[in-house]
Amino acid sequence: MDLKEGSLSLEPLDNILASIPDAGDCDLIPILQKIQEAYGYLPPSVLAATSDRTGIAASRIYGVATFYEQFYLEPHGRHTIKCCRGTACHVKSGRDIIRAISRALGVQEGETTDDMRFTFETVACLGTCFLAPVMMVNDDYYGHLAPNKVKDILERYD
């Protein structure tokens, strides 16, 4: 799918809304999850169309979309890297892992590579302190990391 905002098809949105009876009265989170699954993020033009077609106020849609970290308002890479910056990881040189990821990808925290392959995020905690320092790529955990392991791990993802 072309990620240029002006050329996005609304057909996936139409299919999503057709599959949800009374979408205007439905819980907004499942609608946004399906939109993000279809488009890879929540494009502003699609959110505006969602508001128009469901009668849900745009302010409510954006309120939910910006409150929950699971939603992205900008294009996201095919693979999401989450690196822990919590206490256990910090104590075990987690900052070095963050720097290694940045070097390997050529991006900073919160950025996506130009080829849309990776989006790099840091998070307060991944809940796996026993693996510190730890990062996730999609749903895969990598623990007891050393900076020299990062590049090899990332090369596994196309």
Foldseek 3Di string as FASTA:
>chain_A
DDQDLVPDDCVQVVVLVVVDPLCLPDDLVVSQVSCCVVNVACEPVNLVVVCVVNVPDSVVNVVVQVVDPVHHHHHAAPKEKEWEPEDLQVVVVSVLQQVLLCVLQVHHAQDAHPVSHYHYHYDHDPPPSVQHRWMDIHNDIHGPDDSVCNNVVSVVGD
